Amino acid sequence: MSSPGSPSDDPHDIGAPRRRPYYGWTILGVAILAIFVSSPGQTYVIAVFVNPIEAETGWTRTFISGLYTMGSLTAAAGMLLIGRLMDRFGARVTLTAVGLVFGLAALWMSRVTQPIEMYVGFALLRLLGQGALTVVPTTMVALWFVRLRGRAMALTSLGAVAGQASFPPLVHLLIVRSDWRTAWVVLAVVIWALLLPAALLLVRRSPESVGLLPDGDDPRRTSPPDQHAPPSRREDDWTLAEALRTRSFWLLLVATSPHSLISTALTFHHVAFMASLGVDSSIAAAVLAVLAPFAIAGTLLAGVLADRLPARYLLAANQGGLAATMIWSFFIGTAGPALVYGALLGATSGFSFTLQSTIWPTYYGRHHLASIRSVAATTTIAAAAIGPLPFGWLFDLTGSFRVPLLVFLILPAISGLAAMLATRPRKGNEGSSA
């Protein structure tokens, strides 16, 4: 048996260099699948259940939305545990455990009868779906890819687009053919059937654990792969405690979280927002339909650029794109401008997903990435949970969505400035060239 980190003579060993395709592409496939399976914990699927839950329980939409917000905030706090579990036990154990409990959370939702039970269900769905099944798969990809990380992350995001396109109509069909409780049972089976075999059979902890190097570089090289990279591309490995002491960490949180707040608010209030601008419901639905293809375009563009340009410049540019989207909404009145708005929102959201997945490992390395990403996920999930509330409150207060849009235009400006100031830290010399 070959020692860890050395090439194997066995042609069937995934650690044998140049004899099989790089195993990282298999890990990428599992990551795409995991993000696809995260859909039952995402807003676009849970929203399909609101009307039938309201009809059966008699709870108001506001009350259900409040439970959802509280559950999302609870999930944000729980993300800290997910990151530590992955850093300690690795991706296979963590992804398997997450898939198992995620399916149980879906079964739990099929049996809720009390508000406290609904709150617990929402908290588990958001923690495991939106949170863990975003952080764990993207961290897996970051561990296996360095030079090709941007493009790999862009491909990973295709799982989210596929989930958004397929799960809502599936859930709607299940509810129409049976009921919302049966739909949750079916989702539990889907989660277990798709995720558990892939997690158990295909996931490996890291390329080094099977005698490989990131990106499929030749493991027979005696020097570390980072040694031949230019200084701007070499990665230092930081612990969470060390990262928290860097200025750039906090600047990146400011640079990344507001996009989640604003995009979630705009999506949550989409139909009412379009109606307030004189756009009928059919056009509003068409606007949502253009989000997915332009999100794909945004993710792929970000993936290519992230392998070539400093991420902080791209983050700042994306915040400019979000501000332009918000400003463009003031000119909506007919179908054409409304569809352009949908294209802009989709593109900036896809662009943001890839950048947020790549910048953390680029700045803080791979060895403690899950713990670091979990803190970032805590802020973005909390921002997404909070986002719809101030928009809705200002609309109720003023009768217009223009007021919250004007108020929250300050956030992309602040985020863009924070991104520009977030230079890449270096061990012993914080502040660098990225």
Protein backbone atom coordinates (compact mmCIF):
# COMPACT_ATOMS: atom_id res chain seq x y z
CA MET A 1 0.00 0.00 0.00
CA SER A 2 1.37 3.42 -0.87
CA SER A 3 1.81 6.01 1.81
CA PRO A 4 -0.50 9.03 1.97
CA GLY A 5 0.54 11.71 -0.43
CA SER A 6 2.56 9.35 -2.65
CA PRO A 7 1.43 8.02 -6.02
CA SER A 8 -0.02 4.54 -6.17
CA ASP A 9 1.03 1.77 -8.54
CA ASP A 10 -2.54 0.50 -8.65
CA PRO A 11 -4.21 1.81 -11.85
CA HIS A 12 -7.59 1.50 -10.13
CA ASP A 13 -6.49 3.69 -7.20
CA ILE A 14 -7.94 7.20 -7.51
CA GLY A 15 -4.60 8.43 -6.24
CA ALA A 16 -2.75 7.12 -9.30
CA PRO A 17 -1.64 10.18 -11.27
CA ARG A 18 -2.43 10.57 -14.95
CA ARG A 19 -4.28 7.24 -15.15
CA ARG A 20 -7.79 8.39 -14.44
CA PRO A 21 -9.62 11.69 -14.75
CA TYR A 22 -9.05 13.94 -11.79
CA TYR A 23 -11.31 12.82 -8.93
CA GLY A 24 -12.13 16.43 -8.13
CA TRP A 25 -14.60 16.39 -11.01
CA THR A 26 -16.50 13.62 -9.22
CA ILE A 27 -16.51 15.78 -6.08
CA LEU A 28 -17.81 18.65 -8.21
CA GLY A 29 -20.66 16.43 -9.44
CA VAL A 30 -21.60 15.54 -5.86
CA ALA A 31 -21.51 19.23 -4.94
CA ILE A 32 -23.87 20.10 -7.80
CA LEU A 33 -26.22 17.32 -6.68
CA ALA A 34 -26.09 18.47 -3.04
CA ILE A 35 -26.98 22.05 -3.93
CA PHE A 36 -29.79 20.75 -6.14
CA VAL A 37 -31.11 18.68 -3.21
CA SER A 38 -30.98 21.75 -0.94
CA SER A 39 -34.11 23.06 -2.70
CA PRO A 40 -36.69 21.93 -0.08
CA GLY A 41 -34.94 24.29 2.36
CA GLN A 42 -34.94 27.26 -0.02
CA THR A 43 -37.50 30.07 -0.10
CA TYR A 44 -38.67 29.23 -3.63
CA VAL A 45 -39.91 25.78 -2.50
CA ILE A 46 -41.19 26.67 0.97
CA ALA A 47 -43.24 29.49 -0.57
CA VAL A 48 -45.27 26.90 -2.53
CA PHE A 49 -46.49 25.43 0.78
CA VAL A 50 -47.69 28.71 2.32
CA ASN A 51 -51.17 28.81 0.76
CA PRO A 52 -52.16 25.19 1.59
CA ILE A 53 -50.76 25.53 5.13
CA GLU A 54 -52.72 28.75 5.57
CA ALA A 55 -55.90 27.10 4.26
CA GLU A 56 -55.63 24.06 6.55
CA THR A 57 -54.43 25.68 9.78
CA GLY A 58 -56.22 29.02 9.60
CA TRP A 59 -52.99 30.82 10.46
CA THR A 60 -52.51 34.12 8.65
CA ARG A 61 -49.83 34.66 6.04
CA THR A 62 -48.21 37.22 8.33
CA PHE A 63 -48.08 34.69 11.18
CA ILE A 64 -46.56 31.98 8.96
CA SER A 65 -44.05 34.49 7.59
CA GLY A 66 -43.10 35.42 11.15
CA LEU A 67 -42.44 31.78 12.02
CA TYR A 68 -40.35 31.50 8.87
CA THR A 69 -38.29 34.56 9.76
CA MET A 70 -37.66 33.33 13.32
CA GLY A 71 -36.73 29.90 12.01
CA SER A 72 -34.29 31.43 9.51
CA LEU A 73 -32.62 33.53 12.19
CA THR A 74 -32.26 30.44 14.39
CA ALA A 75 -30.73 28.60 11.44
CA ALA A 76 -28.22 31.41 10.94
CA ALA A 77 -26.91 30.92 14.48
CA GLY A 78 -26.71 27.15 13.99
CA MET A 79 -24.38 27.49 10.99
CA LEU A 80 -21.40 27.93 13.32
CA LEU A 81 -21.80 24.30 14.38
CA ILE A 82 -21.96 23.01 10.79
CA GLY A 83 -18.62 24.58 9.92
CA ARG A 84 -16.86 23.14 12.93
CA LEU A 85 -18.27 19.67 12.22
CA MET A 86 -16.95 19.70 8.66
CA ASP A 87 -13.50 20.91 9.67
CA ARG A 88 -13.32 18.17 12.31
CA PHE A 89 -14.96 15.18 10.62
CA GLY A 90 -14.64 15.95 6.92
CA ALA A 91 -17.09 16.30 4.07
CA ARG A 92 -18.27 12.68 3.85
CA VAL A 93 -19.42 12.42 7.47
CA THR A 94 -20.87 15.93 7.53
CA LEU A 95 -22.72 15.66 4.21
CA THR A 96 -24.15 12.27 5.16
CA ALA A 97 -25.33 13.54 8.55
CA VAL A 98 -26.82 16.67 6.98
CA GLY A 99 -28.68 14.61 4.36
CA LEU A 100 -30.06 12.23 6.98
CA VAL A 101 -31.34 14.97 9.27
CA PHE A 102 -32.58 17.08 6.34
CA GLY A 103 -34.83 14.22 5.28
CA LEU A 104 -36.08 13.89 8.88
CA ALA A 105 -36.84 17.63 8.87
CA ALA A 106 -39.01 17.15 5.78
CA LEU A 107 -40.85 14.31 7.52
CA TRP A 108 -41.27 16.55 10.57
CA MET A 109 -42.94 19.18 8.39
CA SER A 110 -45.45 16.59 7.17
CA ARG A 111 -46.78 16.17 10.74
CA VAL A 112 -46.78 19.70 12.22
CA THR A 113 -49.96 20.88 13.89
CA GLN A 114 -48.75 23.60 16.28
CA PRO A 115 -46.90 26.88 15.62
CA ILE A 116 -43.89 25.80 17.70
CA GLU A 117 -43.59 22.68 15.55
CA MET A 118 -43.71 24.80 12.40
CA TYR A 119 -40.99 27.06 13.79
CA VAL A 120 -38.74 24.06 14.54
CA GLY A 121 -39.37 22.69 11.06
CA PHE A 122 -38.52 25.98 9.38
CA ALA A 123 -35.35 26.30 11.48
CA LEU A 124 -34.17 22.82 10.50
CA LEU A 125 -35.02 23.28 6.82
CA ARG A 126 -33.17 26.58 6.63
CA LEU A 127 -30.19 25.38 8.65
CA LEU A 128 -29.71 22.22 6.61
CA GLY A 129 -31.07 23.33 3.21
CA GLN A 130 -30.10 26.92 2.65
CA GLY A 131 -27.18 26.82 5.09
CA ALA A 132 -25.37 23.48 5.31
CA LEU A 133 -26.14 22.32 1.76
CA THR A 134 -24.65 25.52 0.42
CA VAL A 135 -21.58 25.76 2.66
CA VAL A 136 -20.58 22.07 2.65
CA PRO A 137 -20.71 21.53 -1.16
CA THR A 138 -18.95 24.80 -2.01
CA THR A 139 -16.30 24.08 0.63
CA MET A 140 -15.76 20.65 -0.91
CA VAL A 141 -15.14 22.26 -4.28
CA ALA A 142 -12.78 24.84 -2.76
CA LEU A 143 -10.73 22.02 -1.21
CA TRP A 144 -10.30 20.21 -4.53
CA PHE A 145 -9.73 23.23 -6.82
CA VAL A 146 -7.38 26.19 -6.52
CA ARG A 147 -6.27 27.39 -9.97
CA LEU A 148 -9.63 26.37 -11.47
CA ARG A 149 -11.69 27.37 -8.47
CA GLY A 150 -13.70 30.13 -10.12
CA ARG A 151 -14.86 27.97 -12.99
CA ALA A 152 -15.53 25.02 -10.70
CA MET A 153 -17.67 27.18 -8.41
CA ALA A 154 -19.58 28.51 -11.39
CA LEU A 155 -20.42 24.96 -12.44
CA THR A 156 -21.45 24.14 -8.86
CA SER A 157 -24.08 26.87 -8.95
CA LEU A 158 -25.88 25.05 -11.77
CA GLY A 159 -27.34 22.80 -9.07
CA ALA A 160 -29.17 25.79 -7.60
CA VAL A 161 -30.55 26.83 -10.98
CA ALA A 162 -31.72 23.29 -11.73
CA GLY A 163 -33.38 23.05 -8.32
CA GLN A 164 -35.18 26.35 -8.74
CA ALA A 165 -36.46 25.23 -12.14
CA SER A 166 -37.64 21.75 -11.13
CA PHE A 167 -38.64 21.57 -7.48
CA PRO A 168 -41.43 24.22 -7.34
CA PRO A 169 -43.50 22.64 -10.17
CA LEU A 170 -42.88 19.18 -8.66
CA VAL A 171 -44.10 20.32 -5.25
CA HIS A 172 -47.11 22.09 -6.77
CA LEU A 173 -48.05 18.91 -8.65
CA LEU A 174 -47.72 16.80 -5.49
CA ILE A 175 -49.95 19.18 -3.54
CA VAL A 176 -52.57 19.27 -6.28
CA ARG A 177 -52.59 15.48 -6.70
CA SER A 178 -52.51 14.72 -2.97
CA ASP A 179 -51.87 17.27 -0.19
CA TRP A 180 -49.05 19.36 1.26
CA ARG A 181 -48.22 16.84 3.99
CA THR A 182 -47.71 14.05 1.46
CA ALA A 183 -45.53 16.39 -0.57
CA TRP A 184 -43.14 16.72 2.37
CA VAL A 185 -42.95 12.94 2.73
CA VAL A 186 -42.04 12.60 -0.95
CA LEU A 187 -39.38 15.31 -0.56
CA ALA A 188 -37.85 13.39 2.36
CA VAL A 189 -37.55 10.29 0.17
CA VAL A 190 -36.05 12.33 -2.68
CA ILE A 191 -33.46 13.86 -0.32
CA TRP A 192 -32.38 10.49 1.03
CA ALA A 193 -32.42 8.71 -2.34
CA LEU A 194 -30.30 11.32 -4.12
CA LEU A 195 -27.94 12.61 -1.45
CA LEU A 196 -27.08 9.75 0.90
CA PRO A 197 -25.60 7.27 -1.63
CA ALA A 198 -23.50 10.01 -3.25
CA ALA A 199 -22.23 11.28 0.10
CA LEU A 200 -21.37 7.84 1.43
CA LEU A 201 -19.83 6.32 -1.69
CA LEU A 202 -18.18 9.18 -3.58
CA VAL A 203 -17.04 11.91 -1.19
CA ARG A 204 -13.41 12.06 -0.06
CA ARG A 205 -12.04 14.45 2.55
CA SER A 206 -9.49 16.24 0.33
CA PRO A 207 -7.25 15.55 -2.67
CA GLU A 208 -4.27 15.05 -0.35
CA SER A 209 -6.15 12.32 1.54
CA VAL A 210 -6.09 10.16 -1.60
CA GLY A 211 -2.62 11.08 -2.84
CA LEU A 212 -3.67 13.88 -5.17
CA LEU A 213 -3.09 17.60 -5.41
CA PRO A 214 -5.71 20.29 -6.09
CA ASP A 215 -6.73 20.76 -9.73
CA GLY A 216 -5.26 17.36 -10.63
CA ASP A 217 -1.65 18.57 -10.53
CA ASP A 218 0.97 15.83 -10.62
CA PRO A 219 1.39 14.46 -7.05
CA ARG A 220 4.91 13.27 -7.88
CA ARG A 221 6.13 16.83 -7.60
CA THR A 222 8.18 17.13 -4.44
CA SER A 223 7.54 20.85 -3.89
CA PRO A 224 4.22 22.18 -2.61
CA PRO A 225 1.90 23.19 -5.46
CA ASP A 226 1.59 26.67 -4.06
CA GLN A 227 5.34 27.23 -4.34
CA HIS A 228 5.21 27.68 -8.11
CA ALA A 229 2.26 30.07 -8.01
CA PRO A 230 2.84 33.82 -8.25
CA PRO A 231 2.71 35.61 -4.88
CA SER A 232 -0.77 36.98 -5.57
CA ARG A 233 -2.07 33.41 -6.00
CA ARG A 234 -0.43 31.68 -3.04
CA GLU A 235 -2.80 30.76 -0.25
CA ASP A 236 -2.11 31.03 3.46
CA ASP A 237 -4.14 28.82 5.79
CA TRP A 238 -5.85 30.69 8.63
CA THR A 239 -7.77 29.37 11.60
CA LEU A 240 -11.13 30.95 12.36
CA ALA A 241 -9.65 32.78 15.35
CA GLU A 242 -6.85 34.18 13.19
CA ALA A 243 -9.25 35.20 10.43
CA LEU A 244 -11.49 37.01 12.88
CA ARG A 245 -8.54 39.20 13.86
CA THR A 246 -8.01 40.46 10.31
CA ARG A 247 -9.65 43.64 9.09
CA SER A 248 -10.47 42.07 5.73
CA PHE A 249 -12.68 39.41 7.32
CA TRP A 250 -15.12 42.01 8.64
CA LEU A 251 -14.93 44.07 5.48
CA LEU A 252 -15.87 40.98 3.45
CA LEU A 253 -18.90 40.37 5.66
CA VAL A 254 -20.04 43.92 4.93
CA ALA A 255 -19.25 43.47 1.24
CA THR A 256 -21.24 40.23 0.82
CA SER A 257 -24.25 40.26 3.19
CA PRO A 258 -26.35 43.18 1.82
CA HIS A 259 -26.78 41.49 -1.56
CA SER A 260 -28.59 38.63 0.20
CA LEU A 261 -30.79 41.08 2.09
CA ILE A 262 -31.82 43.11 -0.96
CA SER A 263 -32.26 40.27 -3.47
CA THR A 264 -34.35 38.24 -1.01
CA ALA A 265 -36.53 41.27 -0.26
CA LEU A 266 -37.07 41.98 -3.95
CA THR A 267 -37.93 38.34 -4.66
CA PHE A 268 -40.20 37.97 -1.62
CA HIS A 269 -42.24 41.07 -2.56
CA HIS A 270 -41.92 40.53 -6.33
CA VAL A 271 -45.57 40.20 -7.29
CA ALA A 272 -46.69 43.12 -5.11
CA PHE A 273 -43.71 45.18 -6.33
CA MET A 274 -44.57 44.61 -9.99
CA ALA A 275 -48.24 45.36 -9.35
CA SER A 276 -47.30 48.68 -7.72
CA LEU A 277 -45.47 49.59 -10.94
CA GLY A 278 -48.47 48.74 -13.12
CA VAL A 279 -47.12 45.37 -14.32
CA ASP A 280 -49.73 42.61 -14.39
CA SER A 281 -49.22 39.17 -12.85
CA SER A 282 -48.47 37.39 -16.14
CA ILE A 283 -45.56 39.73 -16.87
CA ALA A 284 -44.42 39.41 -13.25
CA ALA A 285 -44.26 35.63 -13.72
CA ALA A 286 -42.28 36.10 -16.94
CA VAL A 287 -39.80 38.28 -15.06
CA LEU A 288 -39.19 35.44 -12.61
CA ALA A 289 -38.72 33.07 -15.54
CA VAL A 290 -35.79 35.08 -16.91
CA LEU A 291 -33.97 35.04 -13.57
CA ALA A 292 -32.60 31.50 -13.99
CA PRO A 293 -30.92 31.78 -17.43
CA PHE A 294 -29.33 35.10 -16.54
CA ALA A 295 -28.24 33.72 -13.17
CA ILE A 296 -26.42 30.97 -15.11
CA ALA A 297 -24.78 33.61 -17.29
CA GLY A 298 -23.75 35.56 -14.19
CA THR A 299 -22.23 32.55 -12.45
CA LEU A 300 -20.26 31.45 -15.51
CA LEU A 301 -18.95 34.97 -16.14
CA ALA A 302 -17.90 35.32 -12.51
CA GLY A 303 -16.21 31.92 -12.64
CA VAL A 304 -14.06 32.92 -15.59
CA LEU A 305 -13.21 36.36 -14.17
CA ALA A 306 -12.50 35.07 -10.66
CA ASP A 307 -9.62 32.98 -12.00
CA ARG A 308 -8.10 36.07 -13.61
CA LEU A 309 -8.93 39.21 -11.60
CA PRO A 310 -8.77 40.16 -7.89
CA ALA A 311 -12.02 39.14 -6.24
CA ARG A 312 -12.48 42.39 -4.33
CA TYR A 313 -12.73 44.34 -7.60
CA LEU A 314 -15.33 41.91 -8.87
CA LEU A 315 -17.30 42.16 -5.60
CA ALA A 316 -17.33 45.95 -5.90
CA ALA A 317 -18.43 45.75 -9.53
CA ASN A 318 -21.25 43.37 -8.59
CA GLN A 319 -22.49 45.81 -5.96
CA GLY A 320 -22.54 48.43 -8.70
CA GLY A 321 -24.65 46.05 -10.77
CA LEU A 322 -27.08 45.57 -7.87
CA ALA A 323 -27.40 49.34 -7.46
CA ALA A 324 -28.04 49.68 -11.20
CA THR A 325 -30.76 47.02 -10.92
CA MET A 326 -32.46 48.94 -8.11
CA ILE A 327 -32.24 52.22 -10.02
CA TRP A 328 -33.54 50.59 -13.22
CA SER A 329 -36.67 49.49 -11.34
CA PHE A 330 -37.76 53.14 -11.23
CA PHE A 331 -38.21 53.02 -15.01
CA ILE A 332 -40.41 49.91 -15.05
CA GLY A 333 -43.89 50.45 -16.40
CA THR A 334 -44.15 48.04 -19.30
CA ALA A 335 -43.07 44.48 -20.07
CA GLY A 336 -39.74 45.38 -21.71
CA PRO A 337 -38.14 47.24 -18.80
CA ALA A 338 -39.57 44.67 -16.38
CA LEU A 339 -37.83 41.82 -18.23
CA VAL A 340 -34.56 43.79 -18.28
CA TYR A 341 -34.91 44.18 -14.52
CA GLY A 342 -35.31 40.41 -14.15
CA ALA A 343 -32.23 39.81 -16.28
CA LEU A 344 -30.16 42.24 -14.18
CA LEU A 345 -31.35 40.76 -10.89
CA GLY A 346 -30.63 37.21 -12.06
CA ALA A 347 -27.18 38.07 -13.41
CA THR A 348 -26.06 39.93 -10.27
CA SER A 349 -27.37 37.13 -8.03
CA GLY A 350 -25.51 34.45 -9.98
CA PHE A 351 -22.36 36.58 -10.07
CA SER A 352 -22.59 37.07 -6.30
CA PHE A 353 -22.97 33.33 -5.60
CA THR A 354 -19.73 32.45 -7.37
CA LEU A 355 -17.75 35.31 -5.85
CA GLN A 356 -18.88 34.54 -2.31
CA SER A 357 -17.87 30.90 -2.81
CA THR A 358 -14.40 31.74 -4.14
CA ILE A 359 -13.19 34.72 -2.14
CA TRP A 360 -13.13 33.06 1.30
CA PRO A 361 -10.76 30.20 0.35
CA THR A 362 -8.68 32.61 -1.72
CA TYR A 363 -8.19 34.87 1.31
CA TYR A 364 -8.04 32.32 4.13
CA GLY A 365 -6.98 29.00 2.62
CA ARG A 366 -8.50 25.52 2.71
CA HIS A 367 -7.63 23.89 6.03
CA HIS A 368 -10.20 25.68 8.23
CA LEU A 369 -12.47 26.87 5.45
CA ALA A 370 -15.73 25.33 6.69
CA SER A 371 -15.55 27.14 10.03
CA ILE A 372 -14.76 30.43 8.30
CA ARG A 373 -17.47 29.97 5.68
CA SER A 374 -20.00 29.12 8.40
CA VAL A 375 -19.55 32.56 9.97
CA ALA A 376 -20.08 34.18 6.58
CA ALA A 377 -23.15 32.01 6.01
CA THR A 378 -24.53 33.09 9.38
CA THR A 379 -24.54 36.72 8.27
CA THR A 380 -25.98 36.06 4.80
CA ILE A 381 -28.77 33.81 6.11
CA ALA A 382 -29.64 36.37 8.78
CA ALA A 383 -29.65 39.13 6.18
CA ALA A 384 -31.94 37.07 3.93
CA ALA A 385 -34.29 36.44 6.85
CA ILE A 386 -34.45 40.11 7.81
CA GLY A 387 -34.56 41.58 4.30
CA PRO A 388 -38.29 41.35 3.47
CA LEU A 389 -39.36 42.95 6.77
CA PRO A 390 -38.12 46.55 6.31
CA PHE A 391 -39.19 46.58 2.67
CA GLY A 392 -42.69 45.46 3.64
CA TRP A 393 -42.88 47.85 6.59
CA LEU A 394 -41.83 50.87 4.52
CA PHE A 395 -44.31 49.89 1.81
CA ASP A 396 -47.13 49.68 4.34
CA LEU A 397 -46.05 53.03 5.75
CA THR A 398 -45.72 54.91 2.46
CA GLY A 399 -47.74 52.88 -0.06
CA SER A 400 -44.77 52.67 -2.40
CA PHE A 401 -41.74 50.43 -2.92
CA ARG A 402 -39.74 53.40 -4.22
CA VAL A 403 -39.06 54.56 -0.67
CA PRO A 404 -37.40 51.33 0.55
CA LEU A 405 -35.46 51.13 -2.72
CA LEU A 406 -34.11 54.64 -2.19
CA VAL A 407 -33.31 53.96 1.46
CA PHE A 408 -31.51 50.70 0.74
CA LEU A 409 -29.52 52.06 -2.19
CA ILE A 410 -26.96 53.05 0.43
CA LEU A 411 -26.14 49.38 1.07
CA PRO A 412 -24.53 48.58 -2.32
CA ALA A 413 -22.45 51.75 -1.99
CA ILE A 414 -21.22 50.74 1.46
CA SER A 415 -20.63 47.16 0.33
CA GLY A 416 -18.69 48.24 -2.75
CA LEU A 417 -16.42 50.46 -0.65
CA ALA A 418 -15.88 47.64 1.86
CA ALA A 419 -14.96 45.28 -0.97
CA MET A 420 -12.35 47.69 -2.33
CA LEU A 421 -10.80 48.07 1.12
CA ALA A 422 -10.74 44.30 1.77
CA THR A 423 -7.20 43.59 0.64
CA ARG A 424 -6.05 40.01 0.90
CA PRO A 425 -4.34 39.35 4.26
CA ARG A 426 -0.96 37.69 4.60
CA LYS A 427 0.42 35.84 7.58
CA GLY A 428 2.57 38.30 9.49
CA ASN A 429 1.69 41.13 7.10
CA GLU A 430 -2.03 41.83 6.83
CA GLY A 431 -2.94 43.73 3.73
CA SER A 432 -1.74 42.55 0.36
CA SER A 433 -2.25 42.70 -3.33
CA ALA A 434 -5.56 40.95 -3.94
